[in-house]
């Protein structure tokens, strides 16, 4: 009894513990309500609210109640099935309430509510199907992105002596890769690159692009001649392509400083930009057919060698850029756009070009488009760097005196080694003495203003000649 009375006060303090036990249920209900509210579209709820307010203000009954079905129908375009059902339930409850308030006949109110339920169920089904299609599209996009990284590998900002930038846009909205192709690889024969366009679109074009890129990356390392690289691609396509399939391409290489090699196989001519800002098209001297069609003609690709100095740039592109039209059916002027947006950073230049291209066509391209810009930056002057790195001569008297004593001691050591007959017998005639690291070293070693303490040694006067034995015999003297 006494113990019970003693713990009576504690019994009342236990009640908050009971509230804490019930707390998680309350939190979960609040969380569920928050998720439900987050999944409910805002705009359909506003439409239902507007219909209700109009009905309350006008009191027209069945005239406005059928418009409540617009809420769940609109929710199906933006929200999930749960949000559609929530909007439909809200519209049904409010419709029944307003119908009862306005004394709408029972059969009319039943027809309105039945139509509202049917629209809600159909909208929920449409929302579920839309969500499924979106998930499938997301999976397709992820696969396309993986394929793009496997085929069109990212190009670094600097490759060999060049600054590089690439912009690629696939015309298919559901994919990120199309029939355009590009690659840039450093090889034992210099940097080599290719930009091409496969006939057609879709998966067949992607397969052909993969074939071309695979052969190019292999041949670019093996073949010293750029025309041999093109020949290997041609033979591979001849074995694997259909009779009406082909690939237009430009293959370029930088075998030595100041020289750029270009082979054009039926592709749009690259644009060469000089350091002065002049833009010119590199037209092929002898036009050649696209890759895969050489068997139909006697024409063979020719190799063009262009001077490519510091500050020059080369833009390679596909016909999706030059054939892009605006609403007035006007083509995009690529050369003028390049001249307008030219800069020392290829990435900035291509970003400005791509944005202007999208603005020209109205926001969406109707064909695959690829842009690859190559720039040869200026190399710092090696002579100036060497001059800056030269250590200045010491000018202090102490420094001159210390250096003179060091030189003199080396010369005495060399002379001693040269005079050693035993060492001379062991070395072949004319061979260098390993003990003498410097071939020659002499000079007039005198401290300024002090002719008595001459660095040539005691007893020497300023202006005397100092002789040092050379490696392999003989001596060097300077006075």
Protein backbone atom coordinates (compact mmCIF):
# COMPACT_ATOMS: atom_id res chain seq x y z
CA UNK A 1 0.00 0.00 0.00
CA UNK A 2 2.71 2.40 0.94
CA UNK A 3 4.59 1.49 -2.18
CA UNK A 4 1.51 2.13 -4.29
CA UNK A 5 1.02 5.49 -2.74
CA UNK A 6 4.66 6.33 -3.17
CA UNK A 7 4.44 5.57 -6.92
CA UNK A 8 1.14 7.30 -7.41
CA UNK A 9 2.82 10.42 -8.69
CA UNK A 10 4.89 8.37 -11.11
CA UNK A 11 1.70 6.85 -12.54
CA UNK A 12 0.62 10.25 -13.83
CA UNK A 13 4.03 10.85 -15.31
CA UNK A 14 3.73 7.65 -17.35
CA UNK A 15 0.88 9.09 -19.42
CA UNK A 16 3.16 11.08 -21.70
CA UNK A 17 4.89 7.78 -22.52
CA UNK A 18 1.55 6.52 -23.80
CA UNK A 19 1.36 9.56 -26.08
CA UNK A 20 4.81 8.82 -27.34
CA UNK A 21 3.77 5.28 -28.20
CA UNK A 22 0.85 6.59 -30.22
CA UNK A 23 3.05 9.22 -31.85
CA UNK A 24 4.50 7.09 -34.70
CA UNK A 25 1.01 6.30 -35.97
CA UNK A 26 0.17 9.97 -36.08
CA UNK A 27 3.45 10.72 -37.85
CA UNK A 28 2.81 8.02 -40.43
CA UNK A 29 -0.67 9.38 -41.10
CA UNK A 30 0.74 12.85 -41.55
CA UNK A 31 3.41 11.48 -43.87
CA UNK A 32 0.83 9.63 -45.95
CA UNK A 33 -1.29 12.76 -46.16
CA UNK A 34 1.75 14.77 -47.25
CA UNK A 35 2.59 12.23 -49.97
CA UNK A 36 -1.01 12.22 -51.13
CA UNK A 37 -1.05 15.99 -51.30
CA UNK A 38 2.28 15.97 -53.15
CA UNK A 39 0.90 13.51 -55.72
CA UNK A 40 -2.25 15.54 -56.34
CA UNK A 41 -1.89 17.92 -59.31
CA UNK A 42 -2.50 21.55 -58.42
CA UNK A 43 -4.03 22.77 -61.68
CA UNK A 44 -6.86 20.17 -61.82
CA UNK A 45 -7.77 20.98 -58.22
CA UNK A 46 -7.95 24.65 -59.13
CA UNK A 47 -10.27 23.86 -62.06
CA UNK A 48 -12.58 21.87 -59.78
CA UNK A 49 -12.55 24.73 -57.29
CA UNK A 50 -13.47 27.25 -59.98
CA UNK A 51 -16.42 25.10 -61.14
CA UNK A 52 -17.64 24.80 -57.56
CA UNK A 53 -17.41 28.56 -56.97
CA UNK A 54 -19.28 29.32 -60.18
CA UNK A 55 -22.01 26.85 -59.26
CA UNK A 56 -22.33 28.32 -55.77
CA UNK A 57 -22.51 31.84 -57.16
CA UNK A 58 -24.99 31.05 -59.93
CA UNK A 59 -26.93 28.17 -58.35
CA UNK A 60 -27.51 26.66 -61.77
CA UNK A 61 -27.23 23.01 -60.68
CA UNK A 62 -26.74 20.60 -63.57
CA UNK A 63 -25.46 23.30 -65.93
CA UNK A 64 -22.04 23.51 -64.26
CA UNK A 65 -21.68 20.14 -62.52
CA UNK A 66 -20.61 18.16 -65.65
CA UNK A 67 -17.58 20.44 -65.95
CA UNK A 68 -16.15 18.78 -62.83
CA UNK A 69 -14.96 15.95 -65.12
CA UNK A 70 -12.32 18.32 -66.53
CA UNK A 71 -10.36 17.95 -63.28
CA UNK A 72 -9.47 14.22 -63.48
CA UNK A 73 -9.09 14.40 -67.27
CA UNK A 74 -6.46 17.11 -66.95
CA UNK A 75 -4.78 15.32 -64.04
CA UNK A 76 -4.09 12.34 -66.32
CA UNK A 77 -1.73 14.45 -68.46
CA UNK A 78 0.50 15.57 -65.61
CA UNK A 79 0.04 13.28 -62.60
CA UNK A 80 0.02 9.62 -61.71
CA UNK A 81 -2.99 7.33 -61.17
CA UNK A 82 -3.14 8.20 -57.48
CA UNK A 83 -3.41 11.90 -58.21
CA UNK A 84 -6.11 11.29 -60.83
CA UNK A 85 -8.21 9.25 -58.38
CA UNK A 86 -7.81 11.90 -55.70
CA UNK A 87 -9.00 14.64 -58.04
CA UNK A 88 -11.91 12.46 -59.23
CA UNK A 89 -12.95 11.65 -55.66
CA UNK A 90 -12.82 15.32 -54.72
CA UNK A 91 -14.90 16.25 -57.78
CA UNK A 92 -17.49 13.50 -57.02
CA UNK A 93 -17.91 14.55 -53.39
CA UNK A 94 -18.27 18.21 -54.29
CA UNK A 95 -20.67 17.39 -57.15
CA UNK A 96 -22.92 15.30 -54.91
CA UNK A 97 -22.91 18.05 -52.29
CA UNK A 98 -23.77 20.78 -54.79
CA UNK A 99 -26.43 18.64 -56.46
CA UNK A 100 -28.13 18.01 -53.16
CA UNK A 101 -27.86 21.69 -52.25
CA UNK A 102 -29.36 22.82 -55.57
CA UNK A 103 -32.14 20.18 -55.40
CA UNK A 104 -31.05 18.56 -58.66
CA UNK A 105 -33.36 15.67 -59.62
CA UNK A 106 -31.99 12.28 -58.55
CA UNK A 107 -31.72 10.76 -62.02
CA UNK A 108 -29.85 13.79 -63.38
CA UNK A 109 -27.44 13.87 -60.45
CA UNK A 110 -26.84 10.14 -60.83
CA UNK A 111 -26.02 10.57 -64.51
CA UNK A 112 -23.58 13.39 -63.76
CA UNK A 113 -21.81 11.43 -61.02
CA UNK A 114 -21.67 8.27 -63.16
CA UNK A 115 -20.03 10.21 -65.99
CA UNK A 116 -17.59 11.71 -63.51
CA UNK A 117 -16.62 8.28 -62.18
CA UNK A 118 -16.17 6.92 -65.74
CA UNK A 119 -13.94 9.82 -66.72
CA UNK A 120 -11.90 9.38 -63.54
CA UNK A 121 -11.32 5.66 -64.15
CA UNK A 122 -10.40 6.21 -67.81
CA UNK A 123 -8.06 9.04 -66.87
CA UNK A 124 -6.40 6.87 -64.22
CA UNK A 125 -5.80 4.12 -66.79
CA UNK A 126 -4.39 6.64 -69.28
CA UNK A 127 -2.11 8.03 -66.59
CA UNK A 128 -0.80 4.55 -65.76
CA UNK A 129 -0.06 3.84 -69.44
CA UNK A 130 1.66 7.19 -69.81
CA UNK A 131 3.87 6.45 -66.82
CA UNK A 132 4.80 3.07 -68.28
CA UNK A 133 5.76 4.63 -71.60
CA UNK A 134 7.87 7.22 -69.81
CA UNK A 135 9.74 4.49 -67.93
CA UNK A 136 10.37 2.60 -71.16
CA UNK A 137 11.60 5.80 -72.82
CA UNK A 138 13.94 6.47 -69.90
CA UNK A 139 15.37 2.96 -70.31
CA UNK A 140 15.84 3.51 -74.05
CA UNK A 141 17.59 6.80 -73.38
CA UNK A 142 19.95 5.17 -70.90
CA UNK A 143 20.81 2.43 -73.42
CA UNK A 144 21.34 5.05 -76.13
CA UNK A 145 23.61 7.02 -73.81
CA UNK A 146 25.65 3.89 -73.06
CA UNK A 147 25.92 3.19 -76.79
CA UNK A 148 27.01 6.76 -77.41
CA UNK A 149 29.81 6.49 -74.86
CA UNK A 150 30.89 3.18 -76.42
CA UNK A 151 30.84 4.40 -80.03
CA UNK A 152 31.27 8.17 -79.87
CA UNK A 153 33.81 8.27 -77.10
CA UNK A 154 34.21 11.62 -75.33
CA UNK A 155 37.00 13.69 -76.88
CA UNK A 156 39.35 15.39 -74.40
CA UNK A 157 39.89 19.12 -74.54
CA UNK A 158 43.52 18.65 -75.64
CA UNK A 159 44.84 15.91 -77.93
CA UNK A 160 48.50 16.10 -78.88
CA UNK A 161 49.30 19.66 -79.95
CA UNK A 162 45.63 20.58 -80.52
CA UNK A 163 42.71 22.05 -78.62
CA UNK A 164 39.55 20.10 -79.49
CA UNK A 165 35.81 20.54 -78.97
CA UNK A 166 32.85 18.44 -80.17
CA UNK A 167 29.09 19.05 -80.24
CA UNK A 168 26.67 16.34 -81.31
CA UNK A 169 22.86 16.35 -81.54
CA UNK A 170 20.74 13.37 -82.60
CA UNK A 171 17.58 14.13 -84.53
CA UNK A 172 15.59 11.31 -82.90
CA UNK A 173 13.96 12.63 -79.75
CA UNK A 174 14.00 9.22 -78.07
CA UNK A 175 17.72 8.59 -78.60
CA UNK A 176 21.03 10.34 -78.14
CA UNK A 177 22.90 8.74 -81.01
CA UNK A 178 22.23 8.66 -84.73
CA UNK A 179 24.00 8.13 -88.03
CA UNK A 180 26.67 10.82 -87.66
CA UNK A 181 30.08 9.72 -86.43
CA UNK A 182 33.35 11.24 -85.28
CA UNK A 183 36.60 10.08 -83.70
CA UNK A 184 39.97 11.60 -82.90
CA UNK A 185 42.93 9.44 -81.88
CA UNK A 186 46.65 10.07 -81.28
CA UNK A 187 48.75 7.57 -83.25
CA UNK A 188 52.44 6.92 -83.94
CA UNK A 189 51.89 8.85 -87.18
CA UNK A 190 50.38 11.92 -85.52
CA UNK A 191 46.86 12.87 -84.55
CA UNK A 192 44.19 11.47 -86.89
CA UNK A 193 40.46 12.16 -86.99
CA UNK A 194 37.33 11.32 -88.93
CA UNK A 195 33.90 12.95 -89.25
CA UNK A 196 31.26 11.16 -91.28
CA UNK A 197 27.57 10.74 -92.02
CA UNK A 198 25.85 7.40 -92.60
CA UNK A 199 23.00 7.20 -95.06
CA UNK A 200 19.73 6.65 -93.22
CA UNK A 201 18.73 6.82 -89.56
CA UNK A 202 17.87 4.51 -86.71
CA UNK A 203 19.57 1.29 -85.61
CA UNK A 204 20.92 0.35 -89.08
CA UNK A 205 22.72 3.69 -89.26
CA UNK A 206 24.10 3.17 -85.75
CA UNK A 207 25.45 -0.24 -86.76
CA UNK A 208 27.18 1.19 -89.82
CA UNK A 209 28.67 4.02 -87.75
CA UNK A 210 30.03 1.47 -85.28
CA UNK A 211 31.63 -0.46 -88.14
CA UNK A 212 33.32 2.64 -89.60
CA UNK A 213 34.64 3.82 -86.24
CA UNK A 214 35.98 0.40 -85.35
CA UNK A 215 37.90 0.05 -88.61
CA UNK A 216 39.19 3.64 -88.40
CA UNK A 217 40.54 3.30 -84.86
CA UNK A 218 42.34 0.10 -85.81
CA UNK A 219 43.73 1.27 -89.14
CA UNK A 220 44.81 4.69 -87.82
CA UNK A 221 47.38 2.96 -85.59
CA UNK A 222 48.59 0.47 -88.18
CA UNK A 223 48.79 2.36 -91.48
CA UNK A 224 51.49 5.01 -91.95
CA UNK A 225 49.69 6.39 -95.02
CA UNK A 226 46.36 8.18 -94.57
CA UNK A 227 45.09 6.91 -97.92
CA UNK A 228 45.72 3.36 -96.69
CA UNK A 229 43.45 4.07 -93.70
CA UNK A 230 40.69 5.18 -96.06
CA UNK A 231 41.28 2.09 -98.21
CA UNK A 232 40.75 -0.25 -95.26
CA UNK A 233 37.49 1.46 -94.37
CA UNK A 234 36.34 1.18 -97.99
CA UNK A 235 37.09 -2.55 -98.17
CA UNK A 236 35.29 -3.22 -94.89
CA UNK A 237 32.18 -1.33 -95.99
CA UNK A 238 32.18 -3.06 -99.37
CA UNK A 239 31.89 -6.41 -97.58
CA UNK A 240 29.22 -5.40 -95.07
CA UNK A 241 26.98 -2.71 -96.61
CA UNK A 242 24.05 -3.09 -98.95
CA UNK A 243 24.09 -1.92 -102.56
CA UNK A 244 22.43 1.42 -101.78
CA UNK A 245 24.19 2.18 -98.48
CA UNK A 246 27.19 4.48 -98.17
CA UNK A 247 29.05 6.77 -95.78
CA UNK A 248 30.36 10.26 -96.52
CA UNK A 249 33.45 11.14 -94.51
CA UNK A 250 36.45 13.42 -94.11
CA UNK A 251 39.62 11.82 -92.75
CA UNK A 252 42.44 14.13 -91.60
CA UNK A 253 45.89 13.68 -90.11
CA UNK A 254 48.74 15.78 -88.72
CA UNK A 255 51.89 13.80 -89.56
CA UNK A 256 54.38 16.61 -89.00
CA UNK A 257 54.47 20.14 -87.69
CA UNK A 258 52.85 22.66 -89.98
CA UNK A 259 51.29 20.11 -92.35
CA UNK A 260 47.70 18.86 -92.30
CA UNK A 261 46.55 15.99 -94.54
CA UNK A 262 42.90 15.77 -95.63
CA UNK A 263 41.04 13.06 -97.57
CA UNK A 264 37.46 13.91 -98.56
CA UNK A 265 35.10 11.09 -99.57
CA UNK A 266 31.94 12.81 -100.77
CA UNK A 267 31.54 14.84 -97.57
CA UNK A 268 30.90 18.52 -96.96
CA UNK A 269 34.18 20.47 -97.25
CA UNK A 270 35.84 21.40 -93.94
CA UNK A 271 36.25 25.05 -93.02
CA UNK A 272 39.81 26.26 -92.48
CA UNK A 273 40.24 29.32 -90.29
CA UNK A 274 43.53 31.18 -90.44
CA UNK A 275 44.95 33.01 -87.45
CA UNK A 276 43.89 36.29 -89.08
CA UNK A 277 40.23 35.17 -88.93
CA UNK A 278 39.82 34.33 -92.63
CA UNK A 279 37.41 31.43 -93.18
CA UNK A 280 37.77 29.30 -96.33
CA UNK A 281 36.26 26.02 -97.48
CA UNK A 282 38.71 23.19 -98.21
CA UNK A 283 37.27 21.89 -101.48
CA UNK A 284 38.74 18.58 -102.71
CA UNK A 285 41.05 18.92 -105.69
CA UNK A 286 39.67 15.67 -107.16
CA UNK A 287 36.15 14.82 -105.91
CA UNK A 288 35.78 11.21 -104.76
CA UNK A 289 32.65 9.09 -104.15
CA UNK A 290 31.44 8.28 -100.64
CA UNK A 291 32.81 5.27 -98.82
CA UNK A 292 31.15 2.08 -99.97
CA UNK A 293 30.54 3.23 -103.55
CA UNK A 294 34.03 3.09 -105.02
CA UNK A 295 33.15 -0.03 -107.02
CA UNK A 296 30.67 2.02 -109.05
CA UNK A 297 33.23 4.52 -110.32
CA UNK A 298 36.89 4.80 -111.27
CA UNK A 299 37.47 7.83 -109.04
CA UNK A 300 39.75 7.30 -106.04
CA UNK A 301 40.27 9.64 -103.09
CA UNK A 302 43.15 12.08 -103.25
CA UNK A 303 45.35 13.38 -100.46
CA UNK A 304 45.47 17.13 -99.87
CA UNK A 305 48.28 18.66 -97.81
CA UNK A 306 47.47 22.02 -96.23
CA UNK A 307 49.71 24.38 -94.28
CA UNK A 308 48.49 24.47 -90.69
CA UNK A 309 50.31 27.03 -88.56
CA UNK A 310 49.93 28.12 -84.96
CA UNK A 311 46.57 29.79 -84.37
CA UNK A 312 44.84 28.05 -87.32
CA UNK A 313 41.60 26.13 -86.81
CA UNK A 314 39.75 23.43 -88.76
CA UNK A 315 36.00 22.82 -88.45
CA UNK A 316 34.55 19.50 -89.60
CA UNK A 317 30.77 19.03 -89.64
CA UNK A 318 27.91 17.00 -91.12
CA UNK A 319 25.11 18.03 -93.44
CA UNK A 320 22.69 18.25 -90.54
CA UNK A 321 24.30 21.63 -89.80
CA UNK A 322 24.42 23.17 -93.26
CA UNK A 323 21.01 21.82 -94.32
CA UNK A 324 19.19 23.11 -91.24
CA UNK A 325 16.45 25.51 -92.34
CA UNK A 326 14.41 28.17 -90.59
CA UNK A 327 10.71 28.90 -91.08
CA UNK A 328 11.58 30.81 -94.25
CA UNK A 329 13.29 27.69 -95.70
CA UNK A 330 16.70 29.38 -95.53
CA UNK A 331 19.79 27.26 -94.83
CA UNK A 332 21.98 28.02 -91.87
CA UNK A 333 25.07 30.04 -92.97
CA UNK A 334 27.79 28.09 -91.17
CA UNK A 335 30.79 30.03 -92.51
CA UNK A 336 29.31 33.37 -91.46
CA UNK A 337 28.33 31.99 -88.07
CA UNK A 338 31.83 30.62 -87.50
CA UNK A 339 33.38 33.98 -88.34
CA UNK A 340 31.01 35.70 -85.89
CA UNK A 341 31.67 33.39 -82.96
CA UNK A 342 35.36 32.66 -83.50
CA UNK A 343 37.46 32.59 -80.32
CA UNK A 344 40.62 31.05 -78.90
CA UNK A 345 38.58 28.43 -77.04
CA UNK A 346 37.03 25.81 -79.37
CA UNK A 347 34.44 24.85 -76.76
CA UNK A 348 33.13 28.42 -76.56
CA UNK A 349 33.01 28.69 -80.34
CA UNK A 350 30.99 25.48 -80.75
CA UNK A 351 28.62 26.37 -77.92
CA UNK A 352 27.78 29.68 -79.57
CA UNK A 353 27.42 28.00 -82.98
CA UNK A 354 25.14 25.28 -81.62
CA UNK A 355 22.91 27.77 -79.79
CA UNK A 356 22.61 29.90 -82.93
CA UNK A 357 21.82 26.79 -85.00
CA UNK A 358 18.98 25.78 -82.66
CA UNK A 359 17.63 29.33 -82.73
CA UNK A 360 17.76 29.25 -86.54
CA UNK A 361 15.63 26.09 -86.81
CA UNK A 362 13.25 27.01 -84.01
CA UNK A 363 14.61 24.85 -81.23
CA UNK A 364 14.78 21.33 -82.71
CA UNK A 365 16.93 19.82 -85.44
CA UNK A 366 15.40 17.50 -88.03
CA UNK A 367 18.66 15.71 -88.84
CA UNK A 368 21.67 14.50 -86.90
CA UNK A 369 24.31 17.21 -86.54
CA UNK A 370 27.97 16.92 -85.53
CA UNK A 371 30.58 19.64 -85.14
CA UNK A 372 34.29 19.06 -84.44
CA UNK A 373 36.65 22.01 -84.11
CA UNK A 374 40.43 21.62 -84.06
CA UNK A 375 42.77 24.47 -83.07
CA UNK A 376 46.57 24.63 -83.07
CA UNK A 377 47.54 26.94 -80.21
CA UNK A 378 50.66 29.05 -80.39
CA UNK A 379 53.77 27.38 -78.96
CA UNK A 380 55.90 29.51 -76.58
CA UNK A 381 59.18 30.68 -78.06
CA UNK A 382 61.85 28.19 -77.02
CA UNK A 383 64.67 30.74 -77.48
CA UNK A 384 63.00 33.21 -75.15
CA UNK A 385 62.42 30.50 -72.57
CA UNK A 386 66.05 29.43 -72.74
CA UNK A 387 67.20 33.03 -72.33
CA UNK A 388 65.01 33.50 -69.27
CA UNK A 389 66.33 30.26 -67.80
CA UNK A 390 70.01 31.34 -68.17
CA UNK A 391 71.66 31.99 -64.83
CA UNK A 392 73.31 35.48 -64.77
CA UNK A 393 77.01 35.72 -64.12
CA UNK A 394 78.13 36.68 -60.67
CA UNK A 395 79.39 40.25 -60.49
CA UNK A 396 80.75 40.45 -56.98
CA UNK A 397 84.50 40.32 -56.32
CA UNK A 398 84.04 37.46 -53.88
CA UNK A 399 82.11 35.43 -56.43
CA UNK A 400 84.71 36.00 -59.12
CA UNK A 401 87.52 35.07 -56.76
CA UNK A 402 85.75 31.90 -55.60
CA UNK A 403 84.98 30.81 -59.15
CA UNK A 404 88.55 31.51 -60.25
CA UNK A 405 89.99 29.33 -57.49
CA UNK A 406 87.59 26.52 -58.43
CA UNK A 407 88.55 26.69 -62.10
CA UNK A 408 92.21 26.76 -61.28
CA UNK A 409 91.95 23.73 -59.01
CA UNK A 410 90.14 21.78 -61.73
CA UNK A 411 92.79 22.71 -64.24
CA UNK A 412 95.59 21.56 -61.86
CA UNK A 413 93.77 18.26 -61.31
CA UNK A 414 93.35 17.78 -65.03
CA UNK A 415 96.97 18.61 -65.67
CA UNK A 416 98.05 16.09 -63.05
CA UNK A 417 95.88 13.40 -64.63
CA UNK A 418 97.19 14.19 -68.09
CA UNK A 419 100.77 13.93 -66.91
CA UNK A 420 100.30 10.48 -65.39
CA UNK A 421 102.06 8.12 -67.75
CA UNK A 422 100.48 5.00 -66.30
CA UNK A 423 96.96 6.23 -67.00
CA UNK A 424 97.94 7.26 -70.50
CA UNK A 425 99.21 3.74 -71.16
CA UNK A 426 95.94 2.19 -70.01
CA UNK A 427 93.70 4.36 -72.23
CA UNK A 428 93.60 4.09 -76.00
CA UNK A 429 95.06 6.92 -77.93
CA UNK A 430 92.63 9.81 -78.25
CA UNK A 431 90.21 8.44 -75.62
CA UNK A 432 88.67 10.81 -73.12
CA UNK A 433 89.93 10.85 -69.55
CA UNK A 434 87.06 9.78 -67.25
CA UNK A 435 88.52 11.90 -64.46
CA UNK A 436 88.18 15.07 -66.51
CA UNK A 437 84.47 15.81 -66.91
CA UNK A 438 84.94 19.03 -68.81
CA UNK A 439 86.57 19.00 -72.22
CA UNK A 440 88.01 22.49 -71.93
CA UNK A 441 87.93 25.31 -69.51
CA UNK A 442 90.17 28.29 -69.35
CA UNK A 443 90.07 31.95 -69.07
CA UNK A 444 91.75 35.04 -67.84
CA UNK A 445 91.09 34.78 -64.12
CA UNK A 446 91.86 37.98 -62.32
CA UNK A 447 90.00 39.83 -59.62
CA UNK A 448 89.17 43.41 -60.63
CA UNK A 449 91.66 45.84 -59.29
CA UNK A 450 93.90 43.20 -57.73
CA UNK A 451 96.78 42.02 -59.89
CA UNK A 452 98.86 40.52 -57.04
CA UNK A 453 96.32 37.91 -55.91
CA UNK A 454 95.69 36.35 -59.29
CA UNK A 455 93.53 33.25 -59.48
CA UNK A 456 95.99 31.45 -61.77
CA UNK A 457 98.03 30.67 -58.75
CA UNK A 458 100.74 32.27 -56.70
CA UNK A 459 103.49 33.90 -58.64
CA UNK A 460 101.30 34.56 -61.71
CA UNK A 461 100.60 38.01 -62.94
CA UNK A 462 97.34 39.33 -64.36
CA UNK A 463 97.11 38.59 -68.05
CA UNK A 464 99.19 35.38 -67.91
CA UNK A 465 97.86 32.47 -69.90
CA UNK A 466 96.19 29.56 -68.13
CA UNK A 467 96.43 26.20 -69.79
CA UNK A 468 94.11 23.24 -69.18
CA UNK A 469 94.69 19.80 -70.67
CA UNK A 470 91.93 18.63 -72.97
CA UNK A 471 90.40 15.21 -72.94
CA UNK A 472 92.39 12.99 -75.23
CA UNK A 473 95.55 15.13 -75.10
CA UNK A 474 96.53 18.69 -75.94
CA UNK A 475 95.69 21.81 -73.97
CA UNK A 476 93.45 24.81 -74.20
CA UNK A 477 94.87 28.21 -73.35
CA UNK A 478 93.44 31.65 -73.20
CA UNK A 479 95.04 34.94 -72.18
